[in-house]
Amino acid sequence: MTDFQGRKAVISGATRGIGKAIAMAFLEAGATVIGVYSSNRKAADSFMQEWQENASFQENRLFLYQCDISDQASVLKLFDGIEQQFDTIDILVNNAGIRRDAVLAMMQPDDWHRVIDVNLTGTFNMSKQAVLLMMKQKYGRIIHITSPMAHMGFAGQTNYAASKAGQIGMMRSLSKETAKRKITVNCVSPGFIDTELLEGLTADQLAQYKKLVPMKRFGKPEEVATAVLFLAGEQASYISGAVLEITGGL
């Protein structure tokens, strides 16, 4: 995998699940990681401790910040601090996302808006500030973590599917706006990945979902991280406006 020594990566939703695996992969590849989380300080502390116990540990390469990415003022404050400390960044991974499932007829407006606000508006807020920093050096990698639900759709996930489809549309337009500045923009689309998001499902639900996957297993967070690191590397300089699916053939 590409050596990311000297590179600075901002990752939202960085302390659990897929985001944690991505953050750790960048750290082990030599990058400095600015990890963003919404509210779970316990998970942030646990991740920091795990990094400190890692064989690749070095001081001052993991920084964790709490931020509500759906709130523009909070994101502006976050990036003001990042610019003061690091001047610019090289990589942004928009991984943070939530689900609040219900069939559309019964969905509460607050649940619709909150999912759109975090998943889609949060991606906009983070990407806008990242582009402004990346333009200073005419280089950057932006990667949205989207979902096959963007084109498949599941009953009870109209808000989630809409937010993920919106990320892909945003990515395709932004990739054209930034191409001349050597900033690539892509999506990674994980299917069923074995994280804490599956913990609330019953054994029957897990079995049914696994049957949908041609490989008959769920993916590992590290398998998603591998794809993200590839797109974030210099060897992926001609890949932009693309969706890379990590689904086991779903």
Protein backbone atom coordinates (compact mmCIF):
# COMPACT_ATOMS: atom_id res chain seq x y z
CA MET A 1 0.00 0.00 0.00
CA THR A 2 1.04 3.57 -0.67
CA ASP A 3 3.32 5.27 1.83
CA PHE A 4 1.40 8.19 3.31
CA GLN A 5 4.31 9.70 5.24
CA GLY A 6 3.76 13.44 5.54
CA ARG A 7 0.15 13.28 4.35
CA LYS A 8 -2.66 14.70 6.48
CA ALA A 9 -6.05 12.96 6.41
CA VAL A 10 -9.31 14.23 7.90
CA ILE A 11 -11.80 11.42 8.59
CA SER A 12 -15.32 11.90 9.91
CA GLY A 13 -16.86 9.19 12.05
CA ALA A 14 -13.32 8.09 12.77
CA THR A 15 -13.60 6.35 16.13
CA ARG A 16 -15.85 3.37 15.41
CA GLY A 17 -16.57 0.77 12.75
CA ILE A 18 -15.49 1.47 9.20
CA GLY A 19 -14.18 4.93 10.06
CA LYS A 20 -11.93 3.55 12.77
CA ALA A 21 -10.53 0.92 10.38
CA ILE A 22 -9.83 3.63 7.80
CA ALA A 23 -8.17 5.89 10.36
CA MET A 24 -5.97 3.07 11.67
CA ALA A 25 -4.97 2.06 8.15
CA PHE A 26 -3.84 5.61 7.38
CA LEU A 27 -1.93 5.78 10.66
CA GLU A 28 -0.15 2.50 9.96
CA ALA A 29 0.73 3.81 6.48
CA GLY A 30 2.42 6.85 8.00
CA ALA A 31 -0.24 9.55 7.70
CA THR A 32 -1.24 12.11 10.28
CA VAL A 33 -4.94 11.59 11.02
CA ILE A 34 -7.39 14.26 12.14
CA GLY A 35 -10.31 12.17 13.33
CA VAL A 36 -13.75 13.69 13.82
CA TYR A 37 -16.50 12.21 15.99
CA SER A 38 -19.95 13.45 16.98
CA SER A 39 -20.46 12.69 20.67
CA ASN A 40 -19.10 9.34 21.84
CA ARG A 41 -16.07 10.41 23.90
CA LYS A 42 -15.65 6.90 25.31
CA ALA A 43 -15.13 5.47 21.83
CA ALA A 44 -12.68 8.29 21.02
CA ASP A 45 -10.64 7.60 24.15
CA SER A 46 -10.64 3.88 23.39
CA PHE A 47 -9.39 4.48 19.86
CA MET A 48 -6.62 6.77 21.07
CA GLN A 49 -5.51 4.11 23.54
CA GLU A 50 -5.58 1.45 20.83
CA TRP A 51 -3.36 3.61 18.64
CA GLN A 52 -0.93 4.22 21.50
CA GLU A 53 -0.60 0.45 21.89
CA ASN A 54 -0.11 -0.12 18.16
CA ALA A 55 3.31 -1.20 16.90
CA SER A 56 3.33 1.77 14.48
CA PHE A 57 2.62 4.34 17.22
CA GLN A 58 4.27 7.73 17.03
CA GLU A 59 3.41 10.86 18.98
CA ASN A 60 1.45 13.66 17.33
CA ARG A 61 0.00 11.65 14.47
CA LEU A 62 -3.56 11.17 15.75
CA PHE A 63 -5.73 14.12 16.71
CA LEU A 64 -9.40 13.63 17.65
CA TYR A 65 -11.97 16.43 17.57
CA GLN A 66 -15.64 16.45 18.48
CA CYS A 67 -17.81 18.17 15.88
CA ASP A 68 -21.40 18.06 14.62
CA ILE A 69 -20.68 17.95 10.91
CA SER A 70 -24.29 18.88 10.09
CA ASP A 71 -23.71 22.28 11.69
CA GLN A 72 -21.89 24.71 9.40
CA ALA A 73 -20.57 26.89 12.20
CA SER A 74 -19.07 23.88 13.98
CA VAL A 75 -17.37 22.71 10.79
CA LEU A 76 -15.98 26.19 10.12
CA LYS A 77 -14.53 26.25 13.63
CA LEU A 78 -13.05 22.78 13.12
CA PHE A 79 -11.33 23.73 9.87
CA ASP A 80 -10.10 27.04 11.23
CA GLY A 81 -8.24 25.02 13.86
CA ILE A 82 -6.99 22.53 11.28
CA GLU A 83 -5.67 25.32 9.06
CA GLN A 84 -3.90 27.00 11.96
CA GLN A 85 -2.24 23.75 13.03
CA PHE A 86 -1.56 22.04 9.70
CA ASP A 87 -1.94 24.80 7.05
CA THR A 88 -3.57 22.39 4.59
CA ILE A 89 -4.76 18.80 4.27
CA ASP A 90 -4.28 16.13 1.63
CA ILE A 91 -7.18 13.74 2.18
CA LEU A 92 -10.79 13.95 3.33
CA VAL A 93 -12.86 10.84 4.01
CA ASN A 94 -16.55 11.60 4.57
CA ASN A 95 -17.45 8.50 6.54
CA ALA A 96 -19.85 9.76 9.23
CA GLY A 97 -23.43 8.67 8.75
CA ILE A 98 -26.57 7.69 10.62
CA ARG A 99 -29.77 5.73 10.01
CA ARG A 100 -33.25 6.33 11.38
CA ASP A 101 -35.36 3.72 9.64
CA ALA A 102 -39.12 3.76 9.12
CA VAL A 103 -41.47 3.28 6.20
CA LEU A 104 -42.06 6.62 4.53
CA ALA A 105 -45.74 6.86 5.50
CA MET A 106 -44.79 6.58 9.17
CA MET A 107 -41.48 8.44 9.08
CA GLN A 108 -41.24 11.43 11.37
CA PRO A 109 -40.07 14.65 9.68
CA ASP A 110 -37.32 15.02 12.29
CA ASP A 111 -35.93 11.60 11.32
CA TRP A 112 -35.96 12.54 7.63
CA HIS A 113 -34.18 15.82 8.24
CA ARG A 114 -31.61 14.48 10.70
CA VAL A 115 -30.43 11.74 8.32
CA ILE A 116 -30.19 14.19 5.42
CA ASP A 117 -28.48 16.77 7.63
CA VAL A 118 -25.76 14.41 8.86
CA ASN A 119 -25.21 12.20 5.82
CA LEU A 120 -25.61 14.70 2.99
CA THR A 121 -25.31 18.22 4.40
CA GLY A 122 -22.45 17.02 6.60
CA THR A 123 -20.66 15.76 3.49
CA PHE A 124 -21.21 19.17 1.85
CA ASN A 125 -19.95 21.09 4.88
CA MET A 126 -16.78 19.00 5.21
CA SER A 127 -16.06 18.87 1.48
CA LYS A 128 -16.43 22.61 1.00
CA GLN A 129 -13.86 23.44 3.66
CA ALA A 130 -11.52 20.68 2.52
CA VAL A 131 -11.57 21.92 -1.08
CA LEU A 132 -10.66 25.43 0.05
CA LEU A 133 -7.59 24.07 1.86
CA MET A 134 -6.61 21.65 -0.91
CA MET A 135 -6.74 24.40 -3.53
CA LYS A 136 -3.82 26.09 -1.77
CA GLN A 137 -1.55 23.24 -2.81
CA LYS A 138 -3.46 22.10 -5.94
CA TYR A 139 -3.66 18.55 -4.68
CA GLY A 140 -6.17 16.49 -2.76
CA ARG A 141 -8.23 13.34 -2.39
CA ILE A 142 -11.88 13.42 -1.30
CA ILE A 143 -13.70 10.15 -0.69
CA HIS A 144 -17.33 9.77 0.33
CA ILE A 145 -18.42 6.55 2.04
CA THR A 146 -21.77 5.91 0.41
CA SER A 147 -23.91 2.76 0.18
CA PRO A 148 -25.47 0.37 -2.36
CA MET A 149 -28.79 1.57 -0.92
CA ALA A 150 -28.24 4.64 -3.11
CA HIS A 151 -29.36 2.57 -6.12
CA MET A 152 -30.90 -0.56 -4.55
CA GLY A 153 -33.10 0.90 -1.86
CA PHE A 154 -34.49 -1.04 1.10
CA ALA A 155 -37.98 -0.64 2.45
CA GLY A 156 -37.85 1.60 5.50
CA GLN A 157 -34.76 3.51 4.37
CA THR A 158 -36.03 6.27 2.10
CA ASN A 159 -34.15 8.94 4.05
CA TYR A 160 -30.91 6.92 4.16
CA ALA A 161 -31.11 5.93 0.46
CA ALA A 162 -31.79 9.53 -0.56
CA SER A 163 -28.82 10.80 1.43
CA LYS A 164 -26.49 8.22 -0.08
CA ALA A 165 -27.70 8.84 -3.62
CA GLY A 166 -27.15 12.53 -2.95
CA GLN A 167 -23.54 11.87 -1.97
CA ILE A 168 -22.93 10.19 -5.32
CA GLY A 169 -24.50 13.06 -7.25
CA MET A 170 -22.46 15.56 -5.26
CA MET A 171 -19.30 13.56 -5.94
CA ARG A 172 -19.84 13.50 -9.70
CA SER A 173 -20.31 17.28 -9.90
CA LEU A 174 -17.51 18.12 -7.48
CA SER A 175 -15.07 15.85 -9.33
CA LYS A 176 -15.55 17.99 -12.44
CA GLU A 177 -15.15 21.25 -10.51
CA THR A 178 -11.83 20.22 -8.96
CA ALA A 179 -10.21 18.18 -11.73
CA LYS A 180 -7.95 20.97 -13.01
CA ARG A 181 -6.59 21.46 -9.50
CA LYS A 182 -5.52 17.81 -9.20
CA ILE A 183 -8.15 17.11 -6.55
CA THR A 184 -9.91 13.80 -7.15
CA VAL A 185 -13.35 13.00 -5.73
CA ASN A 186 -14.67 9.45 -5.50
CA CYS A 187 -17.05 7.25 -3.54
CA VAL A 188 -16.51 3.93 -1.81
CA SER A 189 -19.74 1.98 -1.41
CA PRO A 190 -19.59 -0.75 1.26
CA GLY A 191 -22.29 -3.40 1.44
CA PHE A 192 -22.92 -5.43 4.58
CA ILE A 193 -19.86 -4.88 6.76
CA ASP A 194 -19.34 -6.60 10.11
CA THR A 195 -19.48 -3.62 12.48
CA GLU A 196 -21.53 -2.60 15.49
CA LEU A 197 -24.25 -1.40 13.09
CA LEU A 198 -25.24 -5.06 12.65
CA GLU A 199 -25.50 -5.72 16.37
CA GLY A 200 -29.15 -4.67 16.59
CA LEU A 201 -30.27 -7.21 14.01
CA THR A 202 -31.80 -10.57 14.93
CA ALA A 203 -30.18 -13.84 13.93
CA ASP A 204 -32.89 -14.32 11.29
CA GLN A 205 -32.25 -10.89 9.83
CA LEU A 206 -28.51 -11.50 9.69
CA ALA A 207 -29.08 -14.81 7.94
CA GLN A 208 -31.41 -13.22 5.39
CA TYR A 209 -28.98 -10.41 4.64
CA LYS A 210 -26.11 -12.86 4.27
CA LYS A 211 -28.13 -14.81 1.71
CA LEU A 212 -28.30 -11.67 -0.44
CA VAL A 213 -24.50 -11.55 -0.72
CA PRO A 214 -23.10 -13.82 -3.46
CA MET A 215 -19.95 -14.43 -1.37
CA LYS A 216 -22.19 -15.53 1.54
CA ARG A 217 -20.33 -13.49 4.13
CA PHE A 218 -20.20 -9.97 5.47
CA GLY A 219 -17.24 -7.77 4.68
CA LYS A 220 -14.58 -6.65 7.13
CA PRO A 221 -13.95 -2.97 7.92
CA GLU A 222 -10.32 -3.47 6.90
CA GLU A 223 -11.45 -4.47 3.42
CA VAL A 224 -13.17 -1.12 3.03
CA ALA A 225 -10.11 0.68 4.40
CA THR A 226 -7.93 -0.95 1.74
CA ALA A 227 -10.12 0.51 -1.00
CA VAL A 228 -10.07 3.96 0.59
CA LEU A 229 -6.29 3.96 0.85
CA PHE A 230 -6.01 2.97 -2.80
CA LEU A 231 -8.18 5.90 -3.94
CA ALA A 232 -6.33 8.25 -1.58
CA GLY A 233 -2.94 7.31 -3.00
CA GLU A 234 -0.97 9.02 -5.72
CA GLN A 235 -1.32 5.94 -7.93
CA ALA A 236 -5.07 6.69 -8.24
CA SER A 237 -4.47 10.13 -9.76
CA TYR A 238 -6.54 9.37 -12.89
CA ILE A 239 -9.54 8.00 -11.00
CA SER A 240 -12.16 10.65 -10.27
CA GLY A 241 -15.95 10.66 -10.37
CA ALA A 242 -16.08 6.92 -9.69
CA VAL A 243 -17.94 4.64 -7.27
CA LEU A 244 -15.96 1.64 -5.99
CA GLU A 245 -18.29 -1.00 -4.56
CA ILE A 246 -17.10 -3.25 -1.72
CA THR A 247 -20.12 -5.54 -1.56
CA GLY A 248 -19.09 -9.16 -2.11
CA GLY A 249 -20.96 -9.03 -5.42
CA LEU A 250 -24.24 -7.70 -4.02
